PDB file of N, CA and C in Angstrom:
ATOM      1  N   MET A   1      85.327 114.767  84.851  1.00  0.00           N
ATOM      2  CA  MET A   1      86.499 114.969  85.688  1.00  0.00           C
ATOM      3  C   MET A   1      87.742 114.955  84.807  1.00  0.00           C
ATOM      4  N   HIS A   2      88.613 115.912  84.991  1.00  0.00           N
ATOM      5  CA  HIS A   2      89.812 116.018  84.179  1.00  0.00           C
ATOM      6  C   HIS A   2      90.991 115.355  84.877  1.00  0.00           C
ATOM      7  N   ASN A   3      91.822 114.759  84.071  1.00  0.00           N
ATOM      8  CA  ASN A   3      93.062 114.181  84.597  1.00  0.00           C
ATOM      9  C   ASN A   3      94.197 115.098  84.152  1.00  0.00           C
ATOM     10  N   TYR A   4      94.806 115.785  85.082  1.00  0.00           N
ATOM     11  CA  TYR A   4      95.864 116.737  84.757  1.00  0.00           C
ATOM     12  C   TYR A   4      97.257 116.121  84.810  1.00  0.00           C
ATOM     13  N   GLY A   5      97.324 114.806  84.861  1.00  0.00           N
ATOM     14  CA  GLY A   5      98.619 114.155  84.793  1.00  0.00           C
ATOM     15  C   GLY A   5      99.279 113.933  86.128  1.00  0.00           C
ATOM     16  N   TYR A   6      98.628 114.300  87.209  1.00  0.00           N
ATOM     17  CA  TYR A   6      99.249 114.145  88.516  1.00  0.00           C
ATOM     18  C   TYR A   6      99.208 112.715  89.025  1.00  0.00           C
ATOM     19  N   ARG A   7      98.312 111.940  88.484  1.00  0.00           N
ATOM     20  CA  ARG A   7      98.158 110.584  88.999  1.00  0.00           C
ATOM     21  C   ARG A   7      98.598 109.530  87.999  1.00  0.00           C
ATOM     22  N   ASN A   8      99.290 109.919  86.982  1.00  0.00           N
ATOM     23  CA  ASN A   8      99.763 108.907  86.056  1.00  0.00           C
ATOM     24  C   ASN A   8     101.081 108.327  86.562  1.00  0.00           C
ATOM     25  N   SER A   9     101.529 107.279  85.953  1.00  0.00           N
ATOM     26  CA  SER A   9     102.734 106.601  86.438  1.00  0.00           C
ATOM     27  C   SER A   9     104.010 107.369  86.106  1.00  0.00           C
ATOM     28  N   TYR A  10     103.942 108.327  85.209  1.00  0.00           N
ATOM     29  CA  TYR A  10     105.133 109.077  84.820  1.00  0.00           C
ATOM     30  C   TYR A  10     105.583 110.056  85.907  1.00  0.00           C
ATOM     31  N   TYR A  11     104.643 110.723  86.574  1.00  0.00           N
ATOM     32  CA  TYR A  11     104.981 111.749  87.554  1.00  0.00           C
ATOM     33  C   TYR A  11     105.830 111.224  88.710  1.00  0.00           C
ATOM     34  N   PRO A  12     105.458 110.120  89.375  1.00  0.00           N
ATOM     35  CA  PRO A  12     106.319 109.623  90.452  1.00  0.00           C
ATOM     36  C   PRO A  12     107.698 109.213  89.949  1.00  0.00           C
ATOM     37  N   THR A  13     107.761 108.649  88.762  1.00  0.00           N
ATOM     38  CA  THR A  13     109.044 108.247  88.192  1.00  0.00           C
ATOM     39  C   THR A  13     109.916 109.466  87.921  1.00  0.00           C
ATOM     40  N   LEU A  14     109.319 110.509  87.404  1.00  0.00           N
ATOM     41  CA  LEU A  14     110.048 111.745  87.140  1.00  0.00           C
ATOM     42  C   LEU A  14     110.624 112.313  88.438  1.00  0.00           C
ATOM     43  N   TRP A  15     109.799 112.372  89.484  1.00  0.00           N
ATOM     44  CA  TRP A  15     110.242 112.907  90.776  1.00  0.00           C
ATOM     45  C   TRP A  15     111.346 112.045  91.374  1.00  0.00           C
ATOM     46  N   ASP A  16     111.207 110.722  91.318  1.00  0.00           N
ATOM     47  CA  ASP A  16     112.206 109.809  91.862  1.00  0.00           C
ATOM     48  C   ASP A  16     113.525 109.951  91.108  1.00  0.00           C
ATOM     49  N   ASN A  17     113.460 110.061  89.799  1.00  0.00           N
ATOM     50  CA  ASN A  17     114.681 110.227  89.007  1.00  0.00           C
ATOM     51  C   ASN A  17     115.357 111.561  89.304  1.00  0.00           C
ATOM     52  N   TYR A  18     114.565 112.595  89.606  1.00  0.00           N
ATOM     53  CA  TYR A  18     115.139 113.882  89.983  1.00  0.00           C
ATOM     54  C   TYR A  18     116.015 113.729  91.221  1.00  0.00           C
ATOM     55  N   TRP A  19     115.496 113.093  92.263  1.00  0.00           N
ATOM     56  CA  TRP A  19     116.274 112.946  93.506  1.00  0.00           C
ATOM     57  C   TRP A  19     117.461 112.010  93.325  1.00  0.00           C
ATOM     58  N   ARG A  20     117.320 111.009  92.480  1.00  0.00           N
ATOM     59  CA  ARG A  20     118.450 110.107  92.244  1.00  0.00           C
ATOM     60  C   ARG A  20     119.593 110.828  91.545  1.00  0.00           C
ATOM     61  N   SER A  21     119.281 111.755  90.670  1.00  0.00           N
ATOM     62  CA  SER A  21     120.335 112.414  89.912  1.00  0.00           C
ATOM     63  C   SER A  21     120.962 113.587  90.657  1.00  0.00           C
ATOM     64  N   TYR A  22     120.293 114.116  91.679  1.00  0.00           N
ATOM     65  CA  TYR A  22     120.819 115.282  92.377  1.00  0.00           C
ATOM     66  C   TYR A  22     121.168 115.007  93.836  1.00  0.00           C
ATOM     67  N   ARG A  23     121.484 113.779  94.168  1.00  0.00           N
ATOM     68  CA  ARG A  23     121.882 113.465  95.533  1.00  0.00           C
ATOM     69  C   ARG A  23     123.058 112.504  95.516  1.00  0.00           C
ATOM     70  N   ILE A  24     123.765 112.459  96.643  1.00  0.00           N
ATOM     71  CA  ILE A  24     124.840 111.481  96.756  1.00  0.00           C
ATOM     72  C   ILE A  24     124.196 110.114  96.980  1.00  0.00           C
ATOM     73  N   ASN A  25     124.908 109.050  96.656  1.00  0.00           N
ATOM     74  CA  ASN A  25     124.339 107.726  96.861  1.00  0.00           C
ATOM     75  C   ASN A  25     124.581 107.258  98.296  1.00  0.00           C
ATOM     76  N   ALA A  26     123.932 106.178  98.682  1.00  0.00           N
ATOM     77  CA  ALA A  26     124.004 105.672 100.049  1.00  0.00           C
ATOM     78  C   ALA A  26     125.430 105.271 100.418  1.00  0.00           C
ATOM     79  N   GLU A  27     126.169 104.675  99.490  1.00  0.00           N
ATOM     80  CA  GLU A  27     127.552 104.267  99.782  1.00  0.00           C
ATOM     81  C   GLU A  27     128.426 105.470 100.133  1.00  0.00           C
ATOM     82  N   SER A  28     128.261 106.559  99.404  1.00  0.00           N
ATOM     83  CA  SER A  28     129.032 107.769  99.704  1.00  0.00           C
ATOM     84  C   SER A  28     128.656 108.324 101.068  1.00  0.00           C
ATOM     85  N   ALA A  29     127.361 108.316 101.378  1.00  0.00           N
ATOM     86  CA  ALA A  29     126.908 108.803 102.677  1.00  0.00           C
ATOM     87  C   ALA A  29     127.470 107.946 103.812  1.00  0.00           C
ATOM     88  N   ILE A  30     127.521 106.642 103.601  1.00  0.00           N
ATOM     89  CA  ILE A  30     128.084 105.737 104.613  1.00  0.00           C
ATOM     90  C   ILE A  30     129.554 106.045 104.837  1.00  0.00           C
ATOM     91  N   GLN A  31     130.313 106.234 103.773  1.00  0.00           N
ATOM     92  CA  GLN A  31     131.741 106.531 103.909  1.00  0.00           C
ATOM     93  C   GLN A  31     131.971 107.852 104.635  1.00  0.00           C
ATOM     94  N   ILE A  32     131.139 108.830 104.351  1.00  0.00           N
ATOM     95  CA  ILE A  32     131.239 110.127 105.033  1.00  0.00           C
ATOM     96  C   ILE A  32     130.954 109.956 106.520  1.00  0.00           C
ATOM     97  N   ALA A  33     129.907 109.203 106.847  1.00  0.00           N
ATOM     98  CA  ALA A  33     129.550 108.979 108.252  1.00  0.00           C
ATOM     99  C   ALA A  33     130.638 108.205 108.984  1.00  0.00           C
ATOM    100  N   LEU A  34     131.190 107.184 108.341  1.00  0.00           N
ATOM    101  CA  LEU A  34     132.236 106.377 108.975  1.00  0.00           C
ATOM    102  C   LEU A  34     133.521 107.167 109.179  1.00  0.00           C
ATOM    103  N   SER A  35     133.758 108.176 108.369  1.00  0.00           N
ATOM    104  CA  SER A  35     134.951 109.003 108.573  1.00  0.00           C
ATOM    105  C   SER A  35     134.818 109.830 109.856  1.00  0.00           C
ATOM    106  N   GLN A  36     133.580 110.110 110.249  1.00  0.00           N
ATOM    107  CA  GLN A  36     133.326 110.869 111.470  1.00  0.00           C
ATOM    108  C   GLN A  36     133.188 109.949 112.683  1.00  0.00           C
ATOM    109  N   VAL A  37     132.496 108.804 112.494  1.00  0.00           N
ATOM    110  CA  VAL A  37     132.252 107.854 113.582  1.00  0.00           C
ATOM    111  C   VAL A  37     132.600 106.451 113.077  1.00  0.00           C
ATOM    112  N   PRO A  38     133.829 105.994 113.305  1.00  0.00           N
ATOM    113  CA  PRO A  38     134.210 104.656 112.858  1.00  0.00           C
ATOM    114  C   PRO A  38     133.447 103.583 113.635  1.00  0.00           C
ATOM    115  N   GLY A  39     133.001 102.559 112.935  1.00  0.00           N
ATOM    116  CA  GLY A  39     132.284 101.465 113.579  1.00  0.00           C
ATOM    117  C   GLY A  39     131.579 100.603 112.556  1.00  0.00           C
ATOM    118  N   GLN A  40     130.552  99.890 113.018  1.00  0.00           N
ATOM    119  CA  GLN A  40     129.774  98.991 112.175  1.00  0.00           C
ATOM    120  C   GLN A  40     128.431  99.637 111.844  1.00  0.00           C
ATOM    121  N   VAL A  41     128.128  99.750 110.564  1.00  0.00           N
ATOM    122  CA  VAL A  41     126.864 100.336 110.134  1.00  0.00           C
ATOM    123  C   VAL A  41     125.741  99.340 110.397  1.00  0.00           C
ATOM    124  N   LEU A  42     124.723  99.798 111.123  1.00  0.00           N
ATOM    125  CA  LEU A  42     123.580  98.953 111.446  1.00  0.00           C
ATOM    126  C   LEU A  42     122.411  99.177 110.499  1.00  0.00           C
ATOM    127  N   LYS A  43     122.177 100.449 110.150  1.00  0.00           N
ATOM    128  CA  LYS A  43     121.003 100.773 109.336  1.00  0.00           C
ATOM    129  C   LYS A  43     121.219 102.110 108.638  1.00  0.00           C
ATOM    130  N   VAL A  44     120.665 102.222 107.431  1.00  0.00           N
ATOM    131  CA  VAL A  44     120.702 103.469 106.665  1.00  0.00           C
ATOM    132  C   VAL A  44     119.284 103.766 106.197  1.00  0.00           C
ATOM    133  N   GLU A  45     118.831 104.986 106.457  1.00  0.00           N
ATOM    134  CA  GLU A  45     117.507 105.408 106.008  1.00  0.00           C
ATOM    135  C   GLU A  45     117.629 106.738 105.273  1.00  0.00           C
ATOM    136  N   LEU A  46     116.792 106.916 104.276  1.00  0.00           N
ATOM    137  CA  LEU A  46     116.703 108.190 103.562  1.00  0.00           C
ATOM    138  C   LEU A  46     115.397 108.839 103.984  1.00  0.00           C
ATOM    139  N   ASP A  47     115.470 110.046 104.548  1.00  0.00           N
ATOM    140  CA  ASP A  47     114.295 110.665 105.133  1.00  0.00           C
ATOM    141  C   ASP A  47     114.378 112.177 104.967  1.00  0.00           C
ATOM    142  N   TYR A  48     113.246 112.855 105.193  1.00  0.00           N
ATOM    143  CA  TYR A  48     113.230 114.307 105.236  1.00  0.00           C
ATOM    144  C   TYR A  48     113.369 114.752 106.678  1.00  0.00           C
ATOM    145  N   ASP A  49     114.216 115.743 106.923  1.00  0.00           N
ATOM    146  CA  ASP A  49     114.393 116.312 108.256  1.00  0.00           C
ATOM    147  C   ASP A  49     114.440 117.824 108.095  1.00  0.00           C
ATOM    148  N   ASP A  50     113.439 118.509 108.602  1.00  0.00           N
ATOM    149  CA  ASP A  50     113.331 119.969 108.474  1.00  0.00           C
ATOM    150  C   ASP A  50     113.418 120.429 107.023  1.00  0.00           C
ATOM    151  N   GLY A  51     112.788 119.686 106.121  1.00  0.00           N
ATOM    152  CA  GLY A  51     112.743 120.066 104.717  1.00  0.00           C
ATOM    153  C   GLY A  51     113.951 119.648 103.893  1.00  0.00           C
ATOM    154  N   LEU A  52     114.915 118.975 104.521  1.00  0.00           N
ATOM    155  CA  LEU A  52     116.097 118.505 103.802  1.00  0.00           C
ATOM    156  C   LEU A  52     116.034 116.997 103.620  1.00  0.00           C
ATOM    157  N   LEU A  53     116.533 116.523 102.490  1.00  0.00           N
ATOM    158  CA  LEU A  53     116.666 115.100 102.260  1.00  0.00           C
ATOM    159  C   LEU A  53     117.947 114.653 102.964  1.00  0.00           C
ATOM    160  N   VAL A  54     117.808 113.708 103.904  1.00  0.00           N
ATOM    161  CA  VAL A  54     118.912 113.352 104.796  1.00  0.00           C
ATOM    162  C   VAL A  54     119.056 111.837 104.879  1.00  0.00           C
ATOM    163  N   TYR A  55     120.306 111.365 104.837  1.00  0.00           N
ATOM    164  CA  TYR A  55     120.594 109.975 105.167  1.00  0.00           C
ATOM    165  C   TYR A  55     120.786 109.897 106.675  1.00  0.00           C
ATOM    166  N   GLU A  56     120.028 109.011 107.319  1.00  0.00           N
ATOM    167  CA  GLU A  56     120.208 108.735 108.744  1.00  0.00           C
ATOM    168  C   GLU A  56     120.948 107.412 108.834  1.00  0.00           C
ATOM    169  N   ILE A  57     122.169 107.466 109.346  1.00  0.00           N
ATOM    170  CA  ILE A  57     123.026 106.288 109.382  1.00  0.00           C
ATOM    171  C   ILE A  57     123.298 105.944 110.834  1.00  0.00           C
ATOM    172  N   TYR A  58     122.969 104.713 111.207  1.00  0.00           N
ATOM    173  CA  TYR A  58     123.167 104.239 112.571  1.00  0.00           C
ATOM    174  C   TYR A  58     124.408 103.374 112.609  1.00  0.00           C
ATOM    175  N   ILE A  59     125.321 103.731 113.524  1.00  0.00           N
ATOM    176  CA  ILE A  59     126.632 103.078 113.598  1.00  0.00           C
ATOM    177  C   ILE A  59     126.861 102.584 115.022  1.00  0.00           C
ATOM    178  N   ARG A  60     127.269 101.313 115.143  1.00  0.00           N
ATOM    179  CA  ARG A  60     127.631 100.751 116.443  1.00  0.00           C
ATOM    180  C   ARG A  60     129.136 100.920 116.645  1.00  0.00           C
ATOM    181  N   THR A  61     129.509 101.475 117.800  1.00  0.00           N
ATOM    182  CA  THR A  61     130.913 101.607 118.187  1.00  0.00           C
ATOM    183  C   THR A  61     131.092 100.911 119.533  1.00  0.00           C
ATOM    184  N   THR A  62     132.301 100.907 120.045  1.00  0.00           N
ATOM    185  CA  THR A  62     132.543 100.328 121.367  1.00  0.00           C
ATOM    186  C   THR A  62     131.934 101.185 122.468  1.00  0.00           C
ATOM    187  N   HIS A  63     131.566 102.409 122.150  1.00  0.00           N
ATOM    188  CA  HIS A  63     130.991 103.330 123.131  1.00  0.00           C
ATOM    189  C   HIS A  63     129.476 103.432 123.043  1.00  0.00           C
ATOM    190  N   GLY A  64     128.855 102.750 122.095  1.00  0.00           N
ATOM    191  CA  GLY A  64     127.404 102.800 121.936  1.00  0.00           C
ATOM    192  C   GLY A  64     126.999 102.935 120.483  1.00  0.00           C
ATOM    193  N   ILE A  65     125.735 103.254 120.289  1.00  0.00           N
ATOM    194  CA  ILE A  65     125.184 103.424 118.942  1.00  0.00           C
ATOM    195  C   ILE A  65     124.991 104.913 118.679  1.00  0.00           C
ATOM    196  N   TYR A  66     125.447 105.338 117.502  1.00  0.00           N
ATOM    197  CA  TYR A  66     125.358 106.737 117.109  1.00  0.00           C
ATOM    198  C   TYR A  66     124.498 106.866 115.865  1.00  0.00           C
ATOM    199  N   GLU A  67     123.781 107.973 115.779  1.00  0.00           N
ATOM    200  CA  GLU A  67     123.051 108.339 114.574  1.00  0.00           C
ATOM    201  C   GLU A  67     123.801 109.494 113.924  1.00  0.00           C
ATOM    202  N   VAL A  68     124.166 109.315 112.670  1.00  0.00           N
ATOM    203  CA  VAL A  68     124.853 110.359 111.913  1.00  0.00           C
ATOM    204  C   VAL A  68     123.927 110.768 110.776  1.00  0.00           C
ATOM    205  N   ASN A  69     123.598 112.060 110.711  1.00  0.00           N
ATOM    206  CA  ASN A  69     122.762 112.579 109.638  1.00  0.00           C
ATOM    207  C   ASN A  69     123.639 113.258 108.603  1.00  0.00           C
ATOM    208  N   VAL A  70     123.503 112.815 107.354  1.00  0.00           N
ATOM    209  CA  VAL A  70     124.287 113.348 106.241  1.00  0.00           C
ATOM    210  C   VAL A  70     123.332 113.954 105.222  1.00  0.00           C
ATOM    211  N   ASN A  71     123.564 115.199 104.854  1.00  0.00           N
ATOM    212  CA  ASN A  71     122.765 115.875 103.838  1.00  0.00           C
ATOM    213  C   ASN A  71     122.915 115.104 102.529  1.00  0.00           C
ATOM    214  N   ALA A  72     121.791 114.636 101.977  1.00  0.00           N
ATOM    215  CA  ALA A  72     121.814 113.803 100.777  1.00  0.00           C
ATOM    216  C   ALA A  72     122.161 114.583  99.513  1.00  0.00           C
ATOM    217  N   LEU A  73     122.104 115.892  99.575  1.00  0.00           N
ATOM    218  CA  LEU A  73     122.424 116.698  98.399  1.00  0.00           C
ATOM    219  C   LEU A  73     123.882 117.132  98.384  1.00  0.00           C
ATOM    220  N   THR A  74     124.430 117.458  99.568  1.00  0.00           N
ATOM    221  CA  THR A  74     125.776 118.009  99.624  1.00  0.00           C
ATOM    222  C   THR A  74     126.810 117.069 100.227  1.00  0.00           C
ATOM    223  N   GLY A  75     126.362 116.075 101.014  1.00  0.00           N
ATOM    224  CA  GLY A  75     127.295 115.187 101.697  1.00  0.00           C
ATOM    225  C   GLY A  75     127.793 115.751 103.015  1.00  0.00           C
ATOM    226  N   GLN A  76     127.281 116.881 103.428  1.00  0.00           N
ATOM    227  CA  GLN A  76     127.692 117.513 104.685  1.00  0.00           C
ATOM    228  C   GLN A  76     127.079 116.767 105.870  1.00  0.00           C
ATOM    229  N   ILE A  77     127.884 116.556 106.917  1.00  0.00           N
ATOM    230  CA  ILE A  77     127.369 115.964 108.142  1.00  0.00           C
ATOM    231  C   ILE A  77     126.582 117.025 108.887  1.00  0.00           C
ATOM    232  N   LEU A  78     125.323 116.710 109.173  1.00  0.00           N
ATOM    233  CA  LEU A  78     124.450 117.671 109.837  1.00  0.00           C
ATOM    234  C   LEU A  78     124.376 117.453 111.339  1.00  0.00           C
ATOM    235  N   LYS A  79     124.475 116.185 111.758  1.00  0.00           N
ATOM    236  CA  LYS A  79     124.304 115.889 113.175  1.00  0.00           C
ATOM    237  C   LYS A  79     124.948 114.548 113.495  1.00  0.00           C
ATOM    238  N   VAL A  80     125.590 114.487 114.662  1.00  0.00           N
ATOM    239  CA  VAL A  80     126.083 113.233 115.220  1.00  0.00           C
ATOM    240  C   VAL A  80     125.514 113.161 116.630  1.00  0.00           C
ATOM    241  N   GLU A  81     124.765 112.091 116.892  1.00  0.00           N
ATOM    242  CA  GLU A  81     124.069 111.991 118.170  1.00  0.00           C
ATOM    243  C   GLU A  81     124.151 110.578 118.706  1.00  0.00           C
ATOM    244  N   LYS A  82     124.475 110.434 119.989  1.00  0.00           N
ATOM    245  CA  LYS A  82     124.490 109.117 120.611  1.00  0.00           C
ATOM    246  C   LYS A  82     123.069 108.724 120.947  1.00  0.00           C
ATOM    247  N   GLU A  83     122.711 107.489 120.590  1.00  0.00           N
ATOM    248  CA  GLU A  83     121.378 106.985 120.848  1.00  0.00           C
ATOM    249  C   GLU A  83     121.315 106.389 122.246  1.00  0.00           C
ATOM    250  N   TYR A  84     120.264 106.712 122.954  1.00  0.00           N
ATOM    251  CA  TYR A  84     120.027 106.160 124.291  1.00  0.00           C
ATOM    252  C   TYR A  84     118.721 105.398 124.258  1.00  0.00           C
ATOM    253  N   ASP A  85     118.786 104.070 124.376  1.00  0.00           N
ATOM    254  CA  ASP A  85     117.570 103.249 124.365  1.00  0.00           C
ATOM    255  C   ASP A  85     117.274 102.704 125.719  1.00  0.00           C
TER     256      ASP A  85
END
């Protein structure tokens, strides 16, 4: 059986470093989201949404909880949605 390098420890590190160097950081994403929806940040997640790397930022306001999606590569706000639980 041949090992083509896909399962060594270098490959995941290389991929992780790629995304770290070509995306905005979480603090920048939070500031962008807060400029659109002022409030208290409850949670920040980094996830894929329709093939894009996206920060999902949950913000509590006096009107409820909002989810703000920020493109992790460009910093563009993709979606602002009020959460209904």
